[in-house]
N, C-alpha and C. Protein backbone atom coordinates (compact mmCIF):
# COMPACT_ATOMS: atom_id res chain seq x y z
N MET A 1 -139.53 132.68 -46.97
CA MET A 1 -140.70 131.90 -46.56
C MET A 1 -141.90 132.82 -46.41
N GLU A 2 -143.01 132.40 -46.95
CA GLU A 2 -144.26 133.13 -46.78
C GLU A 2 -144.76 132.93 -45.35
N ALA A 3 -145.34 133.99 -44.76
CA ALA A 3 -145.88 133.88 -43.40
C ALA A 3 -146.96 132.81 -43.34
N ARG A 4 -146.95 132.05 -42.26
CA ARG A 4 -147.96 131.00 -42.04
C ARG A 4 -148.56 131.18 -40.65
N THR A 5 -149.86 130.98 -40.55
CA THR A 5 -150.56 131.14 -39.27
C THR A 5 -151.43 129.92 -39.00
N ILE A 6 -151.44 129.51 -37.73
CA ILE A 6 -152.33 128.44 -37.28
C ILE A 6 -153.07 128.95 -36.05
N ARG A 7 -154.35 128.62 -35.94
CA ARG A 7 -155.15 129.02 -34.78
C ARG A 7 -155.30 127.80 -33.89
N ILE A 8 -154.93 127.97 -32.63
CA ILE A 8 -155.00 126.90 -31.63
C ILE A 8 -155.98 127.32 -30.54
N PHE A 9 -156.89 126.42 -30.17
CA PHE A 9 -157.84 126.67 -29.09
C PHE A 9 -157.42 125.85 -27.88
N TRP A 10 -157.34 126.50 -26.75
CA TRP A 10 -156.93 125.86 -25.49
C TRP A 10 -158.13 125.89 -24.54
N ARG A 11 -158.62 124.72 -24.15
CA ARG A 11 -159.74 124.64 -23.21
C ARG A 11 -159.24 124.79 -21.78
N ASN A 12 -160.01 125.55 -20.98
CA ASN A 12 -159.75 125.69 -19.54
C ASN A 12 -158.30 126.07 -19.25
N ALA A 13 -157.80 127.07 -19.97
CA ALA A 13 -156.42 127.50 -19.79
C ALA A 13 -156.28 128.41 -18.57
N HIS A 14 -155.11 128.40 -18.00
CA HIS A 14 -154.78 129.30 -16.90
C HIS A 14 -153.36 129.81 -17.12
N THR A 15 -152.97 130.82 -16.40
CA THR A 15 -151.66 131.43 -16.56
C THR A 15 -150.56 130.38 -16.47
N GLY A 16 -149.63 130.44 -17.41
CA GLY A 16 -148.50 129.53 -17.36
C GLY A 16 -147.84 129.36 -18.72
N TRP A 17 -146.88 128.45 -18.77
CA TRP A 17 -146.13 128.16 -19.99
C TRP A 17 -146.93 127.22 -20.89
N PHE A 18 -146.89 127.51 -22.19
CA PHE A 18 -147.53 126.68 -23.20
C PHE A 18 -146.49 126.35 -24.26
N ASN A 19 -146.72 125.28 -25.00
CA ASN A 19 -145.83 124.88 -26.09
C ASN A 19 -146.68 124.37 -27.25
N PHE A 20 -146.27 124.74 -28.47
CA PHE A 20 -146.90 124.17 -29.65
C PHE A 20 -145.80 123.80 -30.64
N ASN A 21 -145.72 122.52 -30.99
CA ASN A 21 -144.75 122.05 -31.98
C ASN A 21 -145.39 122.10 -33.36
N TRP A 22 -144.66 122.70 -34.33
CA TRP A 22 -145.17 122.81 -35.69
C TRP A 22 -144.08 122.33 -36.63
N ASN A 23 -144.10 121.05 -36.89
CA ASN A 23 -143.06 120.39 -37.68
C ASN A 23 -143.03 120.93 -39.11
N GLY A 24 -141.83 121.24 -39.60
CA GLY A 24 -141.66 121.71 -40.96
C GLY A 24 -141.90 123.19 -41.14
N VAL A 25 -142.39 123.87 -40.10
CA VAL A 25 -142.68 125.31 -40.20
C VAL A 25 -141.79 126.11 -39.24
N ILE A 26 -141.76 125.71 -37.97
CA ILE A 26 -140.96 126.44 -36.98
C ILE A 26 -139.60 125.76 -36.81
N THR A 27 -138.55 126.60 -36.80
CA THR A 27 -137.19 126.15 -36.48
C THR A 27 -136.68 127.04 -35.35
N PRO A 28 -135.51 126.73 -34.80
CA PRO A 28 -134.97 127.57 -33.72
C PRO A 28 -134.72 129.02 -34.16
N ASN A 29 -134.56 129.27 -35.46
CA ASN A 29 -134.29 130.62 -35.95
C ASN A 29 -135.52 131.34 -36.48
N SER A 30 -136.70 130.75 -36.37
CA SER A 30 -137.93 131.38 -36.87
C SER A 30 -138.27 132.64 -36.07
N VAL A 31 -138.92 133.58 -36.74
CA VAL A 31 -139.54 134.73 -36.08
C VAL A 31 -141.01 134.36 -35.88
N VAL A 32 -141.47 134.40 -34.63
CA VAL A 32 -142.83 133.96 -34.32
C VAL A 32 -143.56 135.05 -33.54
N HIS A 33 -144.79 135.36 -33.95
CA HIS A 33 -145.66 136.29 -33.24
C HIS A 33 -146.91 135.53 -32.84
N ILE A 34 -147.44 135.84 -31.63
CA ILE A 34 -148.62 135.14 -31.12
C ILE A 34 -149.60 136.15 -30.56
N SER A 35 -150.88 135.99 -30.91
CA SER A 35 -151.94 136.80 -30.31
C SER A 35 -152.87 135.87 -29.54
N ALA A 36 -153.63 136.44 -28.59
CA ALA A 36 -154.52 135.62 -27.77
C ALA A 36 -155.78 136.39 -27.38
N CYS A 37 -156.89 135.67 -27.26
CA CYS A 37 -158.13 136.24 -26.75
C CYS A 37 -159.00 135.10 -26.22
N GLU A 38 -160.07 135.46 -25.54
CA GLU A 38 -161.02 134.44 -25.06
C GLU A 38 -161.78 133.86 -26.24
N CYS A 39 -162.32 132.67 -26.03
CA CYS A 39 -163.17 132.06 -27.06
C CYS A 39 -164.28 131.27 -26.39
N ILE A 40 -165.30 130.97 -27.20
CA ILE A 40 -166.46 130.23 -26.74
C ILE A 40 -166.62 129.00 -27.63
N PHE A 41 -166.81 127.84 -27.01
CA PHE A 41 -167.12 126.61 -27.72
C PHE A 41 -168.64 126.43 -27.65
N PRO A 42 -169.37 126.79 -28.72
CA PRO A 42 -170.83 126.68 -28.67
C PRO A 42 -171.27 125.24 -28.42
N GLU A 43 -172.19 125.08 -27.49
CA GLU A 43 -172.69 123.75 -27.15
C GLU A 43 -173.46 123.16 -28.33
N GLY A 44 -173.17 121.93 -28.65
CA GLY A 44 -173.87 121.24 -29.72
C GLY A 44 -173.46 121.64 -31.12
N SER A 45 -172.41 122.45 -31.26
CA SER A 45 -171.96 122.88 -32.59
C SER A 45 -171.45 121.67 -33.38
N ILE A 46 -171.85 121.60 -34.63
CA ILE A 46 -171.39 120.51 -35.50
C ILE A 46 -170.23 120.96 -36.39
N PHE A 47 -169.75 122.19 -36.16
CA PHE A 47 -168.73 122.76 -37.04
C PHE A 47 -167.31 122.60 -36.51
N GLY A 48 -167.12 121.92 -35.40
CA GLY A 48 -165.78 121.71 -34.85
C GLY A 48 -165.07 123.04 -34.60
N ALA A 49 -163.80 123.11 -34.96
CA ALA A 49 -163.00 124.32 -34.73
C ALA A 49 -163.57 125.52 -35.48
N GLU A 50 -164.24 125.29 -36.63
CA GLU A 50 -164.83 126.40 -37.38
C GLU A 50 -165.98 127.05 -36.61
N GLY A 51 -166.58 126.34 -35.66
CA GLY A 51 -167.69 126.89 -34.90
C GLY A 51 -167.27 127.65 -33.65
N VAL A 52 -166.01 127.62 -33.30
CA VAL A 52 -165.53 128.32 -32.11
C VAL A 52 -165.58 129.82 -32.38
N ILE A 53 -166.04 130.57 -31.40
CA ILE A 53 -166.20 132.02 -31.54
C ILE A 53 -165.15 132.72 -30.69
N ARG A 54 -164.34 133.58 -31.30
CA ARG A 54 -163.40 134.41 -30.54
C ARG A 54 -164.15 135.65 -30.06
N HIS A 55 -163.88 136.04 -28.81
CA HIS A 55 -164.51 137.26 -28.31
C HIS A 55 -163.60 137.97 -27.32
N ARG A 56 -163.92 139.23 -27.09
CA ARG A 56 -163.08 140.09 -26.26
C ARG A 56 -163.06 139.64 -24.81
N GLY A 57 -164.18 139.33 -24.22
CA GLY A 57 -164.23 138.93 -22.82
C GLY A 57 -163.80 140.08 -21.91
N GLU A 58 -163.72 139.80 -20.62
CA GLU A 58 -163.37 140.83 -19.65
C GLU A 58 -162.00 140.61 -19.02
N ALA A 59 -161.43 139.44 -19.22
CA ALA A 59 -160.14 139.13 -18.60
C ALA A 59 -159.00 139.73 -19.40
N PRO A 60 -158.05 140.40 -18.72
CA PRO A 60 -156.83 140.82 -19.42
C PRO A 60 -156.00 139.57 -19.77
N ILE A 61 -155.64 139.44 -21.04
CA ILE A 61 -154.90 138.28 -21.53
C ILE A 61 -153.77 138.78 -22.41
N TRP A 62 -152.57 138.26 -22.20
CA TRP A 62 -151.47 138.60 -23.10
C TRP A 62 -150.44 137.50 -23.15
N ILE A 63 -149.62 137.58 -24.18
CA ILE A 63 -148.55 136.61 -24.44
C ILE A 63 -147.21 137.28 -24.15
N LYS A 64 -146.31 136.54 -23.53
CA LYS A 64 -144.96 137.07 -23.31
C LYS A 64 -143.95 135.92 -23.36
N ASN A 65 -142.69 136.30 -23.45
CA ASN A 65 -141.58 135.34 -23.47
C ASN A 65 -141.73 134.29 -24.58
N VAL A 66 -141.95 134.75 -25.80
CA VAL A 66 -142.08 133.85 -26.95
C VAL A 66 -140.70 133.32 -27.32
N ARG A 67 -140.57 131.98 -27.39
CA ARG A 67 -139.27 131.37 -27.68
C ARG A 67 -139.40 130.22 -28.67
N PRO A 68 -139.08 130.50 -29.94
CA PRO A 68 -139.02 129.39 -30.89
C PRO A 68 -137.90 128.43 -30.47
N HIS A 69 -138.10 127.14 -30.71
CA HIS A 69 -137.09 126.16 -30.31
C HIS A 69 -136.98 125.07 -31.35
N GLY A 70 -135.89 124.36 -31.29
CA GLY A 70 -135.66 123.19 -32.15
C GLY A 70 -136.21 121.95 -31.48
N PRO A 71 -135.92 120.81 -32.04
CA PRO A 71 -136.42 119.57 -31.45
C PRO A 71 -135.74 119.27 -30.12
N ASN A 72 -136.48 118.62 -29.24
CA ASN A 72 -135.89 118.11 -28.01
C ASN A 72 -135.08 116.87 -28.38
N PRO A 73 -134.10 116.50 -27.56
CA PRO A 73 -133.32 115.29 -27.88
C PRO A 73 -134.24 114.09 -28.11
N GLY A 74 -134.04 113.42 -29.23
CA GLY A 74 -134.84 112.25 -29.56
C GLY A 74 -136.08 112.55 -30.39
N ASP A 75 -136.47 113.86 -30.51
CA ASP A 75 -137.63 114.21 -31.33
C ASP A 75 -137.26 114.21 -32.80
N SER A 76 -138.25 114.04 -33.65
CA SER A 76 -138.02 114.08 -35.09
C SER A 76 -138.64 115.32 -35.73
N ILE A 77 -139.13 116.27 -34.90
CA ILE A 77 -139.74 117.49 -35.44
C ILE A 77 -138.68 118.55 -35.71
N THR A 78 -139.03 119.57 -36.51
CA THR A 78 -138.08 120.66 -36.77
C THR A 78 -138.10 121.68 -35.65
N GLY A 79 -139.21 121.81 -34.95
CA GLY A 79 -139.26 122.77 -33.85
C GLY A 79 -140.67 123.16 -33.47
N GLY A 80 -140.72 124.10 -32.53
CA GLY A 80 -141.98 124.59 -32.02
C GLY A 80 -141.76 125.93 -31.35
N VAL A 81 -142.74 126.34 -30.56
CA VAL A 81 -142.63 127.61 -29.86
C VAL A 81 -143.19 127.46 -28.45
N GLU A 82 -142.43 127.97 -27.48
CA GLU A 82 -142.88 128.07 -26.10
C GLU A 82 -143.27 129.52 -25.86
N PHE A 83 -144.29 129.72 -25.03
CA PHE A 83 -144.69 131.08 -24.69
C PHE A 83 -145.40 131.08 -23.35
N PHE A 84 -145.39 132.23 -22.69
CA PHE A 84 -146.06 132.37 -21.41
C PHE A 84 -147.38 133.09 -21.66
N LEU A 85 -148.48 132.43 -21.32
CA LEU A 85 -149.81 133.01 -21.48
C LEU A 85 -150.25 133.56 -20.14
N GLN A 86 -150.44 134.87 -20.06
CA GLN A 86 -150.87 135.53 -18.83
C GLN A 86 -152.37 135.76 -18.91
N ILE A 87 -153.12 135.18 -17.98
CA ILE A 87 -154.57 135.35 -17.92
C ILE A 87 -154.91 135.88 -16.53
N ASP A 88 -155.31 137.13 -16.45
CA ASP A 88 -155.65 137.72 -15.16
C ASP A 88 -157.13 137.51 -14.88
N TRP A 89 -157.44 136.29 -14.43
CA TRP A 89 -158.81 135.89 -14.11
C TRP A 89 -158.73 134.78 -13.07
N GLU A 90 -159.72 134.69 -12.20
CA GLU A 90 -159.66 133.72 -11.10
C GLU A 90 -159.93 132.28 -11.55
N ALA A 91 -160.66 132.10 -12.64
CA ALA A 91 -161.01 130.76 -13.10
C ALA A 91 -160.38 130.49 -14.46
N PRO A 92 -160.17 129.22 -14.81
CA PRO A 92 -159.65 128.90 -16.15
C PRO A 92 -160.60 129.41 -17.23
N LEU A 93 -160.03 129.79 -18.39
CA LEU A 93 -160.81 130.30 -19.51
C LEU A 93 -160.45 129.54 -20.78
N ASN A 94 -161.37 129.53 -21.73
CA ASN A 94 -161.07 129.01 -23.06
C ASN A 94 -160.39 130.12 -23.85
N ILE A 95 -159.25 129.80 -24.45
CA ILE A 95 -158.40 130.80 -25.10
C ILE A 95 -158.13 130.40 -26.54
N ALA A 96 -158.16 131.39 -27.44
CA ALA A 96 -157.76 131.20 -28.83
C ALA A 96 -156.42 131.90 -29.04
N THR A 97 -155.47 131.22 -29.64
CA THR A 97 -154.20 131.84 -29.99
C THR A 97 -153.98 131.71 -31.50
N ASP A 98 -153.43 132.76 -32.09
CA ASP A 98 -152.98 132.71 -33.48
C ASP A 98 -151.46 132.75 -33.44
N ILE A 99 -150.83 131.71 -33.96
CA ILE A 99 -149.37 131.62 -34.01
C ILE A 99 -148.95 131.87 -35.45
N THR A 100 -148.21 132.96 -35.66
CA THR A 100 -147.76 133.33 -37.00
C THR A 100 -146.25 133.20 -37.09
N VAL A 101 -145.80 132.46 -38.09
CA VAL A 101 -144.36 132.23 -38.31
C VAL A 101 -143.96 133.01 -39.55
N LEU A 102 -142.94 133.86 -39.40
CA LEU A 102 -142.50 134.73 -40.48
C LEU A 102 -141.22 134.27 -41.15
N GLY A 103 -140.65 133.19 -40.74
CA GLY A 103 -139.37 132.75 -41.31
C GLY A 103 -138.22 133.20 -40.42
N GLU A 104 -137.05 133.31 -41.00
CA GLU A 104 -135.86 133.70 -40.24
C GLU A 104 -135.55 135.18 -40.46
N PRO A 105 -134.87 135.83 -39.51
CA PRO A 105 -134.50 137.23 -39.70
C PRO A 105 -133.48 137.39 -40.83
N GLU A 106 -133.51 138.54 -41.49
CA GLU A 106 -132.56 138.80 -42.57
C GLU A 106 -131.14 138.91 -42.07
N ASN A 107 -130.99 139.42 -40.85
CA ASN A 107 -129.65 139.66 -40.31
C ASN A 107 -129.72 139.59 -38.80
N LYS A 108 -128.58 139.44 -38.15
CA LYS A 108 -128.48 139.43 -36.70
C LYS A 108 -127.37 140.41 -36.32
N ILE A 109 -127.65 141.32 -35.37
CA ILE A 109 -126.70 142.35 -34.98
C ILE A 109 -126.62 142.42 -33.47
N ILE A 110 -125.43 142.53 -32.94
CA ILE A 110 -125.23 142.73 -31.50
C ILE A 110 -124.89 144.21 -31.31
N VAL A 111 -125.62 144.88 -30.39
CA VAL A 111 -125.34 146.29 -30.09
C VAL A 111 -125.03 146.46 -28.63
């Protein structure tokens, strides 16, 4: 599988668990990498998601505990990814995440 990436913008995000379901792309065995940074939604922009600006900001932000998953009972999707977004800031922030799916691992080894 060729790597696929989607950019998701989260308004007024704060530290906690997030989930994104990506039907047909993510499965329970997918390898998923996620990056995160602050973003700005320019007022009056007519460009929608294309007008959102990613920027460094001052808040320390990172992703941890990335867990690809299959469908929940009763769902018809192939899967999604849960992750913990850590934002060390007192107020909610607008956050941009890039979710990259690399497919399944070539092998699995227990050591």
